[in-house]
């Protein structure tokens, strides 16, 4: 019976209308198309919102970081530093070249006679004057020759006198026609021969005396002798050319140095104008001035292999501080800049792109100030832009500083700002960036 009911229900349900089912398919497809477009808009909107949130978070984090850094700086105690004032002063412009101390006179003394050395009268390194006895050679052979020549001279003078008397007698007899004229002519020739013999004897005597003088060797110049080259008892020969002693003039003394041809124009112009240019001789490290002198001579041609010209400067050297063949750095003063801003070399910092200083402001914070540097010397440099006289600049303790750091500055007096970083600096000019021994400035990295 149940099966009969189910069958009747199936039979009683309305049958589907094909006409009504056909319009349903296009409606379903339109709904699908509208849903895909909406999803794309939703994805785009979501992406924009995410980007905006990320940007806001980044800006917020940057602001918080800046606030934390500022709060940290305000809470950090001041950094102790040493500082100095920029000042107005005068600085010289120098051309510097490598030079060699060269004596004005150097004499190698040699013997002009043969003989045995009896005495060496000088001490090694002794300062001698012109005419000071140095070496004595045995003069006895030449004294014996002198005695012989004296005797020969006396003999020849007697023969000459006798010939002259005979000539006078013959001339008287010729006046009376008592003798032939040939006898008179022969006697005249005899007188002339005896006169020549006397002159030869006199020359031999002068030569012997000169050889005796050569046995007593003296200094030909004022100077200083070197190490002893010969000892007493040795035989020396003039033909061998043996050096007995070397004497070098040390006061005054000169320095020959070179300058590149690019720097010659101002030097030549001032020399032709009659100016006496000052030259300073510095040690090989350019740490200290040894002596002061004047430029005297320029060479007459430029060395083509190096492109440099030799110059000579003369120095007074009473204490012997300049030693022959010593290498020095010669500084030629070309110009003097007055009323310029000078800062200690220790205050100047450099990184790969700029030159700067740490400026201490009135509120005791530091500021990084970019500068332009002109002429420099061992202790100070000219600043052409970025700093004015009176500015307080950090010279020591820059390692921990950055923009805005609080600093407790100890001010150094003017003239005492040289520190360890500048103590070894060499005197240079703006034209000497590639010279040997140029001054070195400490290179630091500017804090970010």
Protein backbone atom coordinates (compact mmCIF):
# COMPACT_ATOMS: atom_id res chain seq x y z
CA UNK A 1 0.00 0.00 0.00
CA UNK A 2 2.90 2.29 0.80
CA UNK A 3 4.35 1.68 -2.59
CA UNK A 4 0.92 2.62 -4.05
CA UNK A 5 1.05 6.00 -2.17
CA UNK A 6 4.60 6.84 -3.40
CA UNK A 7 3.57 6.02 -6.90
CA UNK A 8 0.58 8.28 -6.68
CA UNK A 9 2.68 11.16 -5.31
CA UNK A 10 5.12 10.88 -8.19
CA UNK A 11 2.26 10.86 -10.62
CA UNK A 12 0.59 13.86 -8.98
CA UNK A 13 3.83 16.15 -9.01
CA UNK A 14 3.76 18.73 -11.84
CA UNK A 15 5.97 17.99 -14.76
CA UNK A 16 8.70 20.57 -15.62
CA UNK A 17 7.96 23.15 -18.28
CA UNK A 18 10.70 23.25 -20.92
CA UNK A 19 9.79 26.77 -21.86
CA UNK A 20 10.41 28.09 -18.34
CA UNK A 21 13.80 26.29 -17.91
CA UNK A 22 15.44 27.81 -20.99
CA UNK A 23 15.70 31.48 -19.68
CA UNK A 24 17.50 30.36 -16.45
CA UNK A 25 20.94 29.66 -18.17
CA UNK A 26 21.71 33.23 -19.30
CA UNK A 27 20.90 34.63 -15.82
CA UNK A 28 23.36 32.24 -14.18
CA UNK A 29 26.14 33.24 -16.59
CA UNK A 30 25.60 36.99 -15.91
CA UNK A 31 25.82 36.42 -12.19
CA UNK A 32 29.21 34.61 -12.68
CA UNK A 33 30.60 37.46 -14.75
CA UNK A 34 29.62 40.10 -12.18
CA UNK A 35 31.24 38.09 -9.37
CA UNK A 36 34.67 37.88 -11.13
CA UNK A 37 34.79 41.65 -11.67
CA UNK A 38 33.96 42.31 -8.07
CA UNK A 39 36.69 39.99 -6.88
CA UNK A 40 39.30 41.93 -8.90
CA UNK A 41 38.17 45.19 -7.40
CA UNK A 42 38.28 43.68 -3.95
CA UNK A 43 41.85 42.45 -4.46
CA UNK A 44 43.01 45.86 -5.71
CA UNK A 45 41.36 47.64 -2.81
CA UNK A 46 42.94 45.23 -0.35
CA UNK A 47 46.43 45.83 -1.88
CA UNK A 48 46.04 49.60 -1.59
CA UNK A 49 45.02 49.30 2.06
CA UNK A 50 47.98 47.04 2.85
CA UNK A 51 50.46 49.44 1.19
CA UNK A 52 49.01 52.41 3.05
CA UNK A 53 49.25 50.58 6.37
CA UNK A 54 52.89 49.57 5.66
CA UNK A 55 53.86 53.14 4.73
CA UNK A 56 52.22 54.52 7.85
CA UNK A 57 54.02 51.94 9.98
CA UNK A 58 57.39 52.84 8.41
CA UNK A 59 56.88 56.56 8.97
CA UNK A 60 55.78 55.90 12.53
CA UNK A 61 58.82 53.73 13.21
CA UNK A 62 61.17 56.40 11.77
CA UNK A 63 59.61 59.07 13.97
CA UNK A 64 59.92 56.87 17.03
CA UNK A 65 63.53 56.05 16.20
CA UNK A 66 64.34 59.77 15.78
CA UNK A 67 62.65 60.54 19.07
CA UNK A 68 64.57 57.76 20.82
CA UNK A 69 67.86 59.00 19.33
CA UNK A 70 67.12 62.57 20.36
CA UNK A 71 66.16 61.45 23.83
CA UNK A 72 69.35 59.38 24.00
CA UNK A 73 71.54 62.34 22.97
CA UNK A 74 69.89 64.56 25.51
CA UNK A 75 70.50 61.99 28.15
CA UNK A 76 74.20 61.38 27.17
CA UNK A 77 76.78 63.32 29.20
CA UNK A 78 78.93 65.85 27.25
CA UNK A 79 81.96 64.39 25.48
CA UNK A 80 85.24 65.95 26.69
CA UNK A 81 87.25 67.42 23.80
CA UNK A 82 90.16 69.81 23.26
CA UNK A 83 89.44 72.78 21.03
CA UNK A 84 91.13 75.90 19.68
CA UNK A 85 90.00 79.17 18.20
CA UNK A 86 90.31 80.00 14.54
CA UNK A 87 92.39 83.16 14.30
CA UNK A 88 93.54 85.85 11.90
CA UNK A 89 97.22 85.64 11.05
CA UNK A 90 99.98 85.47 8.47
CA UNK A 91 101.18 82.38 6.60
CA UNK A 92 103.93 81.89 4.04
CA UNK A 93 103.58 80.25 0.63
CA UNK A 94 106.49 77.89 0.03
CA UNK A 95 107.85 75.84 -2.84
CA UNK A 96 109.58 72.77 -1.49
CA UNK A 97 112.14 70.56 -3.18
CA UNK A 98 114.51 67.79 -2.21
CA UNK A 99 118.05 69.11 -1.89
CA UNK A 100 121.61 68.09 -1.11
CA UNK A 101 124.04 70.04 1.04
CA UNK A 102 126.93 70.92 -1.26
CA UNK A 103 130.16 72.66 -0.12
CA UNK A 104 131.18 75.78 -2.00
CA UNK A 105 134.78 74.48 -2.07
CA UNK A 106 136.18 70.97 -1.68
CA UNK A 107 139.92 70.34 -2.06
CA UNK A 108 141.67 67.00 -2.33
CA UNK A 109 145.27 67.72 -1.29
CA UNK A 110 147.97 65.77 -3.15
CA UNK A 111 151.75 65.85 -3.01
CA UNK A 112 153.69 67.75 -5.67
CA UNK A 113 157.03 66.19 -4.75
CA UNK A 114 158.35 62.72 -4.05
CA UNK A 115 159.45 61.85 -0.56
CA UNK A 116 158.82 60.24 2.78
CA UNK A 117 156.11 61.55 5.11
CA UNK A 118 157.68 62.75 8.34
CA UNK A 119 154.68 64.21 10.18
CA UNK A 120 150.89 64.40 9.93
CA UNK A 121 150.09 67.65 11.68
CA UNK A 122 146.28 67.66 11.61
CA UNK A 123 143.67 65.81 13.65
CA UNK A 124 140.79 64.08 11.94
CA UNK A 125 137.80 66.37 11.65
CA UNK A 126 139.82 69.43 12.64
CA UNK A 127 138.67 72.86 11.51
CA UNK A 128 141.58 74.53 9.75
CA UNK A 129 142.31 77.94 8.37
CA UNK A 130 144.06 78.78 5.15
CA UNK A 131 147.80 78.18 5.63
CA UNK A 132 147.46 75.74 8.53
CA UNK A 133 150.26 73.07 8.35
CA UNK A 134 148.90 69.64 7.48
CA UNK A 135 151.68 67.26 6.41
CA UNK A 136 155.48 67.45 6.38
CA UNK A 137 157.52 65.55 3.81
CA UNK A 138 161.26 64.94 4.22
CA UNK A 139 162.90 68.07 2.65
CA UNK A 140 166.54 66.99 2.96
CA UNK A 141 166.98 65.76 -0.65
CA UNK A 142 165.78 69.11 -1.94
CA UNK A 143 167.91 71.01 0.54
CA UNK A 144 170.95 69.13 -0.76
CA UNK A 145 170.01 70.07 -4.31
CA UNK A 146 169.68 73.68 -3.23
CA UNK A 147 173.21 73.60 -1.83
CA UNK A 148 174.53 72.19 -5.08
CA UNK A 149 172.76 74.82 -7.12
CA UNK A 150 174.07 77.56 -4.87
CA UNK A 151 177.62 76.34 -5.43
CA UNK A 152 177.14 76.10 -9.17
CA UNK A 153 175.69 79.60 -9.18
CA UNK A 154 178.73 80.97 -7.37
CA UNK A 155 181.05 79.26 -9.83
CA UNK A 156 179.18 80.53 -12.87
CA UNK A 157 178.99 84.05 -11.45
CA UNK A 158 182.76 84.08 -10.99
CA UNK A 159 183.27 82.87 -14.56
CA UNK A 160 180.91 85.58 -15.77
CA UNK A 161 182.83 88.29 -13.91
CA UNK A 162 186.13 87.07 -15.36
CA UNK A 163 184.68 87.01 -18.86
CA UNK A 164 183.35 90.53 -18.44
CA UNK A 165 186.80 91.79 -17.30
CA UNK A 166 188.48 90.13 -20.29
CA UNK A 167 185.92 91.66 -22.61
CA UNK A 168 186.65 95.11 -21.24
CA UNK A 169 190.38 94.57 -21.72
CA UNK A 170 189.92 93.38 -25.30
CA UNK A 171 187.77 96.38 -26.11
CA UNK A 172 190.55 98.71 -24.91
CA UNK A 173 193.10 96.88 -27.06
CA UNK A 174 190.81 97.00 -30.09
CA UNK A 175 190.74 100.79 -29.76
CA UNK A 176 194.55 100.75 -30.16
CA UNK A 177 194.41 98.13 -32.95
CA UNK A 178 196.52 95.84 -30.77
CA UNK A 179 194.42 92.69 -31.32
CA UNK A 180 192.17 91.24 -33.94
CA UNK A 181 188.42 91.97 -33.76
CA UNK A 182 187.68 88.23 -33.76
CA UNK A 183 189.11 87.97 -30.28
CA UNK A 184 186.66 90.63 -29.06
CA UNK A 185 183.70 88.90 -30.69
CA UNK A 186 184.65 85.56 -29.15
CA UNK A 187 184.87 87.16 -25.73
CA UNK A 188 181.43 88.72 -26.08
CA UNK A 189 179.98 85.27 -26.80
CA UNK A 190 181.75 83.90 -23.75
CA UNK A 191 180.15 86.59 -21.58
CA UNK A 192 176.71 85.75 -22.93
CA UNK A 193 177.26 82.04 -22.25
CA UNK A 194 178.26 82.75 -18.67
CA UNK A 195 175.19 84.96 -18.21
CA UNK A 196 172.99 82.07 -19.42
CA UNK A 197 174.67 79.68 -17.01
CA UNK A 198 174.02 82.06 -14.12
CA UNK A 199 170.34 82.32 -15.08
CA UNK A 200 170.09 78.52 -15.24
CA UNK A 201 171.60 78.26 -11.79
CA UNK A 202 169.16 80.82 -10.45
CA UNK A 203 166.24 78.83 -11.91
CA UNK A 204 167.53 75.61 -10.36
CA UNK A 205 167.81 77.34 -7.01
CA UNK A 206 164.23 78.66 -7.29
CA UNK A 207 163.00 75.16 -8.19
CA UNK A 208 164.80 73.63 -5.24
CA UNK A 209 163.37 76.21 -2.88
CA UNK A 210 159.87 75.56 -4.30
CA UNK A 211 160.26 71.82 -3.76
CA UNK A 212 161.28 72.50 -0.18
CA UNK A 213 158.11 74.57 0.24
CA UNK A 214 156.09 71.70 -1.26
CA UNK A 215 157.46 69.47 1.47
CA UNK A 216 155.51 71.54 3.98
CA UNK A 217 151.87 71.02 2.91
CA UNK A 218 149.40 73.59 4.23
CA UNK A 219 145.64 74.06 3.88
CA UNK A 220 144.66 76.02 0.75
CA UNK A 221 141.23 77.04 2.14
CA UNK A 222 139.31 77.47 5.36
CA UNK A 223 137.38 74.32 6.11
CA UNK A 224 137.30 71.01 7.90
CA UNK A 225 139.58 68.08 7.21
CA UNK A 226 138.30 64.56 6.83
CA UNK A 227 139.68 61.24 7.95
CA UNK A 228 143.44 60.65 7.77
CA UNK A 229 144.41 59.02 4.49
CA UNK A 230 148.18 58.58 4.97
CA UNK A 231 150.47 57.79 7.89
CA UNK A 232 153.98 58.97 8.75
CA UNK A 233 156.80 56.89 7.28
CA UNK A 234 155.12 56.13 3.96
CA UNK A 235 156.72 57.09 0.65
CA UNK A 236 154.59 59.17 -1.68
CA UNK A 237 155.15 60.08 -5.32
CA UNK A 238 153.78 63.04 -7.17
CA UNK A 239 153.11 60.96 -10.27
CA UNK A 240 150.88 58.53 -8.33
CA UNK A 241 148.32 61.20 -7.48
CA UNK A 242 147.76 59.85 -3.96
CA UNK A 243 145.23 61.87 -1.95
CA UNK A 244 146.73 63.03 1.34
CA UNK A 245 143.73 64.78 2.88
CA UNK A 246 140.32 66.16 1.81
CA UNK A 247 139.32 69.63 3.03
CA UNK A 248 135.72 70.81 2.76
CA UNK A 249 134.48 74.33 3.31
CA UNK A 250 131.54 74.16 5.70
CA UNK A 251 130.88 77.82 6.50
CA UNK A 252 129.26 79.18 4.45
CA UNK A 253 127.77 76.17 2.74
CA UNK A 254 125.18 75.72 0.01
CA UNK A 255 122.17 73.54 -0.72
CA UNK A 256 121.35 72.54 -4.27
CA UNK A 257 117.69 71.62 -4.68
CA UNK A 258 115.23 71.16 -7.51
CA UNK A 259 111.84 72.61 -8.37
CA UNK A 260 109.42 71.48 -11.10
CA UNK A 261 109.30 73.69 -14.14
CA UNK A 262 105.65 74.56 -13.43
CA UNK A 263 106.77 76.52 -10.35
CA UNK A 264 109.60 78.47 -11.98
CA UNK A 265 107.65 81.48 -13.29
CA UNK A 266 107.13 83.27 -9.93
CA UNK A 267 110.68 82.40 -8.84
CA UNK A 268 112.30 83.80 -11.98
CA UNK A 269 110.10 86.90 -11.83
CA UNK A 270 111.20 87.72 -8.29
CA UNK A 271 114.86 86.97 -8.93
CA UNK A 272 114.91 89.26 -11.96
CA UNK A 273 113.27 91.95 -9.86
CA UNK A 274 116.27 91.79 -7.50
CA UNK A 275 114.50 90.17 -4.56
CA UNK A 276 116.54 88.07 -2.14
CA UNK A 277 114.36 85.03 -1.62
CA UNK A 278 114.54 83.25 1.74
CA UNK A 279 115.21 79.51 1.83
CA UNK A 280 114.71 77.24 4.86
CA UNK A 281 116.56 73.95 5.16
CA UNK A 282 114.52 71.27 6.95
CA UNK A 283 115.59 67.80 8.00
CA UNK A 284 114.70 64.75 5.92
CA UNK A 285 111.40 64.32 7.81
CA UNK A 286 110.56 68.05 7.50
CA UNK A 287 109.91 68.18 11.23
CA UNK A 288 112.37 70.93 12.15
CA UNK A 289 114.17 73.82 10.47
CA UNK A 290 117.93 73.34 10.40
CA UNK A 291 119.12 76.61 8.91
CA UNK A 292 118.04 79.75 7.06
CA UNK A 293 119.67 81.05 3.91
CA UNK A 294 119.14 82.92 0.65
CA UNK A 295 118.67 81.87 -2.93
CA UNK A 296 121.75 82.81 -4.98
CA UNK A 297 121.73 80.95 -8.29
CA UNK A 298 119.45 79.26 -10.80
CA UNK A 299 120.84 76.71 -13.24
CA UNK A 300 120.82 77.62 -16.93
CA UNK A 301 118.77 74.68 -18.21
CA UNK A 302 115.97 72.33 -17.16
CA UNK A 303 116.68 68.64 -16.78
CA UNK A 304 114.60 67.01 -19.51
CA UNK A 305 114.47 63.64 -17.78
CA UNK A 306 112.85 65.01 -14.61
CA UNK A 307 111.36 68.33 -15.74
CA UNK A 308 113.08 70.15 -12.88
CA UNK A 309 115.56 73.00 -12.49
CA UNK A 310 118.44 73.12 -10.02
CA UNK A 311 118.74 76.06 -7.65
CA UNK A 312 121.49 76.95 -5.16
CA UNK A 313 120.95 78.59 -1.79
CA UNK A 314 123.78 79.65 0.53
CA UNK A 315 123.55 79.22 4.30
CA UNK A 316 125.67 80.48 7.17
CA UNK A 317 126.82 77.36 9.02
CA UNK A 318 128.97 78.36 12.01
CA UNK A 319 127.74 75.45 14.15
CA UNK A 320 128.11 72.88 11.38
CA UNK A 321 124.44 71.85 11.48
CA UNK A 322 124.49 71.36 7.71
CA UNK A 323 126.75 68.49 6.71
CA UNK A 324 128.15 68.01 3.19
CA UNK A 325 126.10 65.58 1.07
CA UNK A 326 123.26 65.64 3.61
CA UNK A 327 119.75 65.30 2.17
CA UNK A 328 117.40 68.10 3.24
CA UNK A 329 114.06 69.56 2.23
CA UNK A 330 114.55 73.11 0.97
CA UNK A 331 111.62 75.50 1.37
CA UNK A 332 111.68 78.54 -0.87
CA UNK A 333 109.49 81.37 0.44
CA UNK A 334 107.55 82.78 -2.50
CA UNK A 335 104.79 84.85 -0.91
CA UNK A 336 103.35 85.84 2.45
CA UNK A 337 99.58 85.90 2.96
CA UNK A 338 98.43 88.35 5.61
CA UNK A 339 95.13 88.68 7.47
CA UNK A 340 93.89 85.21 6.59
CA UNK A 341 91.91 82.77 8.73
CA UNK A 342 94.17 80.15 10.29
CA UNK A 343 93.14 76.94 12.05
CA UNK A 344 95.23 74.19 13.65
CA UNK A 345 96.00 71.29 11.34
CA UNK A 346 94.65 68.91 13.99
CA UNK A 347 91.19 70.43 13.60
CA UNK A 348 90.96 69.55 9.90
CA UNK A 349 89.31 66.22 9.16
CA UNK A 350 88.92 64.50 5.82
CA UNK A 351 86.86 61.71 4.35
CA UNK A 352 86.59 60.44 0.81
CA UNK A 353 84.55 63.37 -0.50
CA UNK A 354 85.03 66.46 1.65
CA UNK A 355 87.16 68.34 4.15
CA UNK A 356 85.44 69.45 7.35
CA UNK A 357 85.83 70.51 10.97
CA UNK A 358 83.81 70.01 14.13
CA UNK A 359 82.53 73.43 15.23
CA UNK A 360 81.56 73.90 18.88
CA UNK A 361 78.44 76.06 19.03
CA UNK A 362 77.46 78.36 21.93
CA UNK A 363 74.98 75.74 23.22
CA UNK A 364 77.96 73.33 23.68
CA UNK A 365 76.92 71.06 20.83
CA UNK A 366 79.05 70.33 17.79
CA UNK A 367 78.24 70.86 14.15
CA UNK A 368 80.01 69.38 11.14
CA UNK A 369 81.20 72.32 9.00
CA UNK A 370 82.61 71.77 5.50
CA UNK A 371 85.63 73.98 4.72
CA UNK A 372 88.05 74.88 1.91
CA UNK A 373 91.77 74.75 2.73
CA UNK A 374 94.41 76.96 1.13
CA UNK A 375 98.07 77.18 2.11
CA UNK A 376 99.34 74.98 4.94
CA UNK A 377 102.45 74.74 7.08
CA UNK A 378 103.56 72.36 9.80
CA UNK A 379 101.07 73.58 12.42
CA UNK A 380 98.34 75.64 10.80
CA UNK A 381 96.36 75.91 7.59
CA UNK A 382 94.62 78.74 5.83
CA UNK A 383 90.84 78.28 5.55
CA UNK A 384 89.30 80.18 2.67
CA UNK A 385 85.65 79.24 3.32
CA UNK A 386 83.55 77.67 6.06
CA UNK A 387 85.19 79.13 9.19
CA UNK A 388 85.63 82.65 10.50
CA UNK A 389 88.07 83.94 13.14
CA UNK A 390 86.83 83.21 16.63
CA UNK A 391 85.12 79.92 15.82
CA UNK A 392 85.86 77.14 18.30
CA UNK A 393 87.10 74.00 16.54
CA UNK A 394 87.70 70.59 18.02
CA UNK A 395 91.35 69.47 17.71
CA UNK A 396 91.33 66.34 19.86
CA UNK A 397 88.62 63.86 20.79
CA UNK A 398 86.75 63.80 17.48
CA UNK A 399 86.36 60.03 17.38
CA UNK A 400 83.06 59.95 19.27
CA UNK A 401 81.54 63.12 17.86
CA UNK A 402 78.67 63.40 15.44
CA UNK A 403 76.25 66.12 14.39
CA UNK A 404 74.49 67.52 17.47
CA UNK A 405 76.69 65.78 20.06
CA UNK A 406 77.07 67.58 23.37
CA UNK A 407 80.72 68.47 24.02
CA UNK A 408 82.69 69.84 26.94
CA UNK A 409 85.53 71.79 25.26
CA UNK A 410 88.85 72.67 26.84
CA UNK A 411 90.16 75.65 24.87
CA UNK A 412 93.83 75.69 24.01
CA UNK A 413 95.67 79.03 23.77
CA UNK A 414 96.70 80.23 20.32
CA UNK A 415 100.04 78.84 19.20
CA UNK A 416 99.79 75.66 21.31
CA UNK A 417 97.29 73.75 19.22
CA UNK A 418 99.76 71.31 17.77
CA UNK A 419 98.74 67.80 18.69
CA UNK A 420 99.92 64.31 18.01
CA UNK A 421 98.09 64.20 14.72
CA UNK A 422 99.86 67.31 13.42
CA UNK A 423 103.21 67.08 15.16
CA UNK A 424 104.63 65.12 12.29
CA UNK A 425 103.17 67.27 9.53
CA UNK A 426 105.54 68.70 6.96
CA UNK A 427 105.51 72.28 5.77
CA UNK A 428 103.80 72.35 2.42
CA UNK A 429 102.03 74.71 0.09
CA UNK A 430 99.03 74.35 -2.12
CA UNK A 431 101.39 73.61 -5.04
CA UNK A 432 103.07 70.63 -3.34
CA UNK A 433 100.45 67.92 -3.15
CA UNK A 434 102.72 65.40 -4.89
CA UNK A 435 106.12 66.25 -3.57
CA UNK A 436 108.22 63.78 -1.45
CA UNK A 437 107.55 64.13 2.23
CA UNK A 438 104.37 66.20 1.80
CA UNK A 439 102.35 66.86 4.93
CA UNK A 440 99.83 64.22 5.83
CA UNK A 441 96.49 65.05 7.38
CA UNK A 442 94.59 62.45 9.36
CA UNK A 443 91.66 61.07 7.33
CA UNK A 444 88.47 60.43 9.23
CA UNK A 445 84.96 59.37 8.31
CA UNK A 446 82.17 61.88 8.72
CA UNK A 447 79.47 60.43 10.99
CA UNK A 448 76.13 59.78 9.38
